[in-house]
Amino acid sequence: MNRQKKIKQLLKAHAKKASAKLAPKNKPKYISKADRLKLAAESSEESATTPETE
């Protein structure tokens, strides 16, 4: 009984991991703090230069 239970438990765990890998990822990609600051600076520069050119 114990051996069968262990095998069934392992198979269930492997199946769970495989299905989790195939599931779509809802979590957005991580962006480091330095990159976020850089992107914010670039967007503020673009918004500041845009009105002058129009």
N, C-alpha and C. Protein backbone atom coordinates (compact mmCIF):
# COMPACT_ATOMS: atom_id res chain seq x y z
N MET A 1 0.82 -1.19 0.00
CA MET A 1 0.00 0.00 0.00
C MET A 1 0.87 1.26 0.00
N ASN A 2 1.86 1.28 0.86
CA ASN A 2 2.69 2.46 0.99
C ASN A 2 3.44 2.78 -0.29
N ARG A 3 3.98 1.74 -0.95
CA ARG A 3 4.73 1.95 -2.19
C ARG A 3 3.80 2.48 -3.28
N GLN A 4 2.61 1.92 -3.36
CA GLN A 4 1.65 2.38 -4.37
C GLN A 4 1.27 3.84 -4.14
N LYS A 5 1.09 4.18 -2.88
CA LYS A 5 0.72 5.55 -2.54
C LYS A 5 1.83 6.51 -2.95
N LYS A 6 3.08 6.14 -2.67
CA LYS A 6 4.21 6.99 -3.04
C LYS A 6 4.29 7.18 -4.55
N ILE A 7 4.13 6.09 -5.29
CA ILE A 7 4.19 6.16 -6.75
C ILE A 7 3.08 7.04 -7.29
N LYS A 8 1.86 6.85 -6.76
CA LYS A 8 0.72 7.66 -7.21
C LYS A 8 0.95 9.13 -6.88
N GLN A 9 1.52 9.39 -5.71
CA GLN A 9 1.81 10.76 -5.29
C GLN A 9 2.83 11.40 -6.22
N LEU A 10 3.87 10.64 -6.58
CA LEU A 10 4.90 11.17 -7.49
C LEU A 10 4.31 11.46 -8.87
N LEU A 11 3.52 10.53 -9.38
CA LEU A 11 2.92 10.73 -10.70
C LEU A 11 2.00 11.94 -10.71
N LYS A 12 1.25 12.11 -9.64
CA LYS A 12 0.34 13.26 -9.55
C LYS A 12 1.13 14.57 -9.52
N ALA A 13 2.25 14.56 -8.78
CA ALA A 13 3.08 15.77 -8.68
C ALA A 13 3.70 16.11 -10.04
N HIS A 14 4.17 15.09 -10.76
CA HIS A 14 4.75 15.33 -12.08
C HIS A 14 3.70 15.87 -13.05
N ALA A 15 2.49 15.31 -12.99
CA ALA A 15 1.41 15.78 -13.86
C ALA A 15 1.05 17.23 -13.53
N LYS A 16 1.04 17.55 -12.25
CA LYS A 16 0.71 18.92 -11.83
C LYS A 16 1.75 19.91 -12.34
N LYS A 17 3.03 19.55 -12.23
CA LYS A 17 4.09 20.42 -12.72
C LYS A 17 4.01 20.60 -14.23
N ALA A 18 3.72 19.51 -14.95
CA ALA A 18 3.64 19.59 -16.41
C ALA A 18 2.48 20.49 -16.84
N SER A 19 1.34 20.36 -16.18
CA SER A 19 0.20 21.20 -16.55
C SER A 19 0.44 22.65 -16.17
N ALA A 20 1.17 22.89 -15.10
CA ALA A 20 1.48 24.26 -14.69
C ALA A 20 2.40 24.92 -15.72
N LYS A 21 3.31 24.13 -16.29
CA LYS A 21 4.21 24.68 -17.31
C LYS A 21 3.45 25.09 -18.56
N LEU A 22 2.42 24.31 -18.90
CA LEU A 22 1.65 24.58 -20.11
C LEU A 22 0.65 25.71 -19.92
N ALA A 23 0.30 26.00 -18.68
CA ALA A 23 -0.70 27.04 -18.41
C ALA A 23 -0.15 28.41 -18.81
N PRO A 24 -1.02 29.30 -19.27
CA PRO A 24 -0.55 30.64 -19.65
C PRO A 24 -0.09 31.42 -18.44
N LYS A 25 0.89 32.25 -18.64
CA LYS A 25 1.45 33.05 -17.56
C LYS A 25 0.70 34.39 -17.49
N ASN A 26 0.06 34.66 -16.36
CA ASN A 26 -0.66 35.92 -16.18
C ASN A 26 0.20 36.99 -15.54
N LYS A 27 1.32 36.56 -14.98
CA LYS A 27 2.18 37.48 -14.27
C LYS A 27 3.01 38.29 -15.27
N PRO A 28 3.04 39.61 -15.15
CA PRO A 28 3.86 40.41 -16.06
C PRO A 28 5.35 40.18 -15.80
N LYS A 29 6.14 40.42 -16.82
CA LYS A 29 7.58 40.22 -16.71
C LYS A 29 8.16 41.23 -15.73
N TYR A 30 9.12 40.79 -14.91
CA TYR A 30 9.73 41.66 -13.91
C TYR A 30 10.62 42.70 -14.57
N ILE A 31 10.47 43.95 -14.14
CA ILE A 31 11.32 45.04 -14.61
C ILE A 31 12.01 45.62 -13.39
N SER A 32 13.33 45.67 -13.43
CA SER A 32 14.09 46.13 -12.27
C SER A 32 13.81 47.61 -12.00
N LYS A 33 14.12 48.02 -10.78
CA LYS A 33 13.87 49.39 -10.37
C LYS A 33 14.64 50.38 -11.23
N ALA A 34 15.88 50.04 -11.56
CA ALA A 34 16.71 50.93 -12.38
C ALA A 34 16.10 51.09 -13.78
N ASP A 35 15.61 49.97 -14.34
CA ASP A 35 15.00 50.04 -15.66
C ASP A 35 13.71 50.86 -15.63
N ARG A 36 12.93 50.72 -14.54
CA ARG A 36 11.70 51.51 -14.43
C ARG A 36 12.01 52.99 -14.36
N LEU A 37 13.05 53.35 -13.60
CA LEU A 37 13.43 54.76 -13.51
C LEU A 37 13.91 55.28 -14.86
N LYS A 38 14.66 54.43 -15.58
CA LYS A 38 15.16 54.83 -16.89
C LYS A 38 14.00 55.05 -17.86
N LEU A 39 13.02 54.13 -17.85
CA LEU A 39 11.86 54.27 -18.74
C LEU A 39 11.05 55.51 -18.38
N ALA A 40 10.90 55.78 -17.09
CA ALA A 40 10.16 56.97 -16.67
C ALA A 40 10.88 58.23 -17.12
N ALA A 41 12.19 58.24 -17.03
CA ALA A 41 12.96 59.42 -17.45
C ALA A 41 12.84 59.62 -18.95
N GLU A 42 12.90 58.53 -19.71
CA GLU A 42 12.77 58.65 -21.16
C GLU A 42 11.39 59.14 -21.55
N SER A 43 10.35 58.64 -20.90
CA SER A 43 9.00 59.07 -21.25
C SER A 43 8.77 60.53 -20.87
N SER A 44 9.36 60.97 -19.76
CA SER A 44 9.20 62.37 -19.37
C SER A 44 9.96 63.29 -20.32
N GLU A 45 11.10 62.83 -20.83
CA GLU A 45 11.85 63.62 -21.80
C GLU A 45 11.07 63.74 -23.11
N GLU A 46 10.46 62.64 -23.54
CA GLU A 46 9.69 62.65 -24.78
C GLU A 46 8.47 63.55 -24.65
N SER A 47 7.79 63.48 -23.51
CA SER A 47 6.60 64.33 -23.33
C SER A 47 7.02 65.81 -23.21
N ALA A 48 8.19 66.08 -22.72
CA ALA A 48 8.65 67.46 -22.59
C ALA A 48 9.08 68.00 -23.95
N THR A 49 9.64 67.18 -24.82
CA THR A 49 10.09 67.67 -26.13
C THR A 49 8.97 67.67 -27.16
N THR A 50 7.94 66.91 -26.98
CA THR A 50 6.86 66.83 -27.96
C THR A 50 6.12 68.15 -28.14
N PRO A 51 5.71 68.87 -27.09
CA PRO A 51 4.99 70.13 -27.31
C PRO A 51 5.83 71.19 -28.02
N GLU A 52 7.12 71.18 -27.82
CA GLU A 52 7.98 72.19 -28.44
C GLU A 52 8.05 72.01 -29.95
N THR A 53 8.02 70.77 -30.44
CA THR A 53 8.15 70.53 -31.87
C THR A 53 6.84 70.80 -32.61
N GLU A 54 5.70 70.78 -31.91
CA GLU A 54 4.42 71.01 -32.59
C GLU A 54 4.10 72.43 -32.78
